[in-house]
Protein backbone atom coordinates (compact mmCIF):
# COMPACT_ATOMS: atom_id res chain seq x y z
CA MET A 1 -129.69 -17.64 10.00
CA ILE A 2 -127.77 -19.16 7.51
CA LYS A 3 -128.87 -20.25 4.03
CA GLU A 4 -126.70 -22.05 1.76
CA THR A 5 -127.29 -21.95 -2.18
CA PHE A 6 -125.64 -23.97 -5.26
CA SER A 7 -126.79 -22.08 -7.95
CA ASP A 8 -127.97 -18.60 -9.04
CA LYS A 9 -131.38 -19.81 -9.54
CA GLU A 10 -131.20 -20.92 -5.86
CA THR A 11 -129.68 -17.43 -5.03
CA PHE A 12 -132.40 -15.75 -6.93
CA GLU A 13 -135.11 -18.00 -5.38
CA TYR A 14 -133.89 -16.89 -1.87
CA GLY A 15 -134.04 -13.49 -2.73
CA TYR A 16 -137.54 -13.56 -4.16
CA GLU A 17 -138.84 -15.69 -0.88
CA LEU A 18 -137.43 -12.22 0.94
CA GLY A 19 -139.39 -9.90 -1.44
CA SER A 20 -142.52 -11.94 -1.19
CA LYS A 21 -142.60 -11.42 2.64
CA ALA A 22 -141.20 -7.76 1.98
CA SER A 23 -143.27 -5.00 3.39
CA ALA A 24 -142.87 -0.67 3.12
CA GLY A 25 -140.14 0.26 5.18
CA ASP A 26 -137.92 -3.03 4.91
CA ILE A 27 -134.24 -2.60 4.16
CA PHE A 28 -131.84 -5.44 3.09
CA CYS A 29 -128.35 -4.61 3.46
CA LEU A 30 -126.20 -6.88 1.29
CA ASP A 31 -122.25 -7.37 2.05
CA GLY A 32 -120.00 -9.90 0.35
CA ASP A 33 -117.25 -9.89 -2.07
CA LEU A 34 -117.43 -9.12 -5.79
CA GLY A 35 -119.27 -11.75 -7.32
CA THR A 36 -120.93 -13.60 -4.51
CA GLY A 37 -124.44 -12.52 -5.63
CA LYS A 38 -125.64 -9.27 -4.25
CA THR A 39 -127.28 -8.08 -7.30
CA VAL A 40 -128.66 -11.85 -7.99
CA ILE A 41 -130.40 -11.45 -4.36
CA ALA A 42 -131.62 -8.13 -5.24
CA LYS A 43 -133.00 -9.18 -8.58
CA GLY A 44 -134.95 -11.69 -6.57
CA ILE A 45 -136.54 -9.56 -4.26
CA ALA A 46 -137.09 -6.87 -7.41
CA ALA A 47 -139.04 -9.81 -8.98
CA ALA A 48 -141.02 -10.79 -5.97
CA LEU A 49 -142.07 -7.21 -5.50
CA GLY A 50 -143.49 -7.33 -9.19
CA VAL A 51 -140.64 -5.14 -10.79
CA LYS A 52 -140.93 -5.61 -14.71
CA GLU A 53 -138.09 -3.81 -15.80
CA PRO A 54 -134.42 -5.54 -15.88
CA VAL A 55 -132.60 -4.88 -12.58
CA SER A 56 -128.78 -4.35 -12.51
CA SER A 57 -126.66 -3.06 -10.17
CA PRO A 58 -126.63 0.76 -10.04
CA THR A 59 -122.58 1.11 -9.40
CA PHE A 60 -122.49 4.71 -11.09
CA THR A 61 -125.63 6.02 -10.29
CA VAL A 62 -125.47 5.09 -6.72
CA ILE A 63 -129.58 4.51 -6.65
CA LYS A 64 -132.24 2.93 -9.33
CA GLU A 65 -135.79 3.45 -8.43
CA TYR A 66 -138.36 0.82 -9.70
CA THR A 67 -142.30 1.74 -9.13
CA ASP A 68 -143.91 -0.80 -11.25
CA GLY A 69 -144.58 -3.44 -8.30
CA ARG A 70 -146.66 -3.70 -5.58
CA LEU A 71 -144.21 -1.70 -3.79
CA PRO A 72 -141.50 0.93 -4.90
CA PHE A 73 -138.21 -1.04 -4.81
CA TYR A 74 -135.25 0.87 -4.02
CA HIS A 75 -131.54 -0.28 -5.24
CA PHE A 76 -128.54 1.47 -4.10
CA ASP A 77 -125.23 0.25 -4.83
CA VAL A 78 -122.59 2.50 -2.38
CA TYR A 79 -119.22 0.78 -3.31
CA ARG A 80 -118.19 4.21 -4.48
CA ILE A 81 -119.51 6.24 -1.92
CA GLU A 82 -115.99 7.65 0.18
CA ASP A 83 -118.17 9.13 3.16
CA PRO A 84 -121.32 8.48 4.57
CA SER A 85 -122.18 12.48 4.39
CA GLU A 86 -122.27 11.70 0.53
CA MET A 87 -125.89 10.15 0.86
CA GLU A 88 -127.38 12.89 2.15
CA GLU A 89 -127.15 14.63 -1.26
CA ILE A 90 -128.76 11.53 -2.52
CA GLY A 91 -131.57 12.25 0.01
CA TYR A 92 -131.38 8.53 1.44
CA ASP A 93 -133.56 8.95 4.14
CA ASP A 94 -136.55 9.48 1.82
CA TYR A 95 -135.82 6.05 0.47
CA PHE A 96 -134.86 4.48 3.88
CA PHE A 97 -137.97 5.70 5.56
CA GLY A 98 -140.07 5.72 2.50
CA ASN A 99 -143.18 3.63 1.47
CA GLY A 100 -140.83 1.14 -0.52
CA VAL A 101 -138.14 -1.47 -0.04
CA THR A 102 -134.67 -0.54 -0.07
CA VAL A 103 -132.11 -2.79 -0.85
CA ILE A 104 -128.40 -1.72 -0.25
CA GLU A 105 -125.09 -3.40 -2.01
CA TRP A 106 -122.20 -2.53 0.17
CA SER A 107 -124.04 -1.36 2.75
CA ASP A 108 -120.61 -1.69 4.98
CA MET A 109 -119.51 1.57 3.46
CA ILE A 110 -122.48 3.43 5.08
CA LYS A 111 -122.70 1.59 8.29
CA GLU A 112 -123.22 4.62 10.48
CA ILE A 113 -126.47 5.53 8.79
CA ILE A 114 -128.10 2.34 8.49
CA PRO A 115 -131.24 2.22 10.28
CA SER A 116 -131.67 -0.39 13.32
CA ASN A 117 -134.30 -2.30 11.79
CA ALA A 118 -132.40 -3.14 8.60
CA VAL A 119 -132.16 -7.44 7.68
CA LYS A 120 -128.08 -7.78 6.74
CA LEU A 121 -127.19 -10.40 4.53
CA ARG A 122 -123.39 -11.49 4.02
CA LEU A 123 -122.60 -13.15 1.21
CA LYS A 124 -119.75 -15.88 1.11
CA LYS A 125 -118.46 -18.16 -1.63
CA ASP A 126 -116.54 -21.55 -0.81
CA ALA A 127 -114.58 -22.89 -3.64
CA SER A 128 -114.40 -26.05 -1.83
CA LYS A 129 -118.32 -26.45 -2.13
CA GLY A 130 -118.50 -25.68 -5.72
CA PHE A 131 -118.23 -22.59 -8.00
CA ASP A 132 -121.65 -21.47 -7.56
CA TYR A 133 -122.15 -21.99 -3.62
CA ARG A 134 -123.42 -19.37 -1.56
CA CYS A 135 -123.06 -19.01 2.09
CA ILE A 136 -125.85 -16.29 3.01
CA GLU A 137 -125.65 -15.11 6.77
CA MET A 138 -128.64 -13.33 7.89
CA THR A 139 -128.90 -11.01 10.89
CA TYR A 140 -131.08 -8.33 11.98
CA GLY A 141 -130.71 -5.22 13.82
CA LYS A 142 -127.69 -2.65 14.00
CA LEU A 143 -124.81 -3.56 12.00
């Protein structure tokens, strides 16, 4: 499935739509170049879950937990992970198979451990369609 957005607001709203339908155990994998809107999608999902505090990419902490919404929201940024085995130190399986919604930015870095039920979102820019244009391709299942 392909979704095109033409502004940060539309990209956020798409994330919000995904979050409003999310249930415990859902995993969203966000991949794409820098500046394609991965964190904007994550913010939309978090907002739909009722997260009140500001959401930012956890680049240096790998994970941020938000528990003030209708479901826990686990936001991973695994850009700095060099080997998927590093995720074991974090206890990733408690998050992936827990009672919350997990969003993983840069999931391609750990594709070996992504569960088969994950939703994959690949974000791309196309400058010929405008600076804020994003093409978001959604696929389901094993990456």
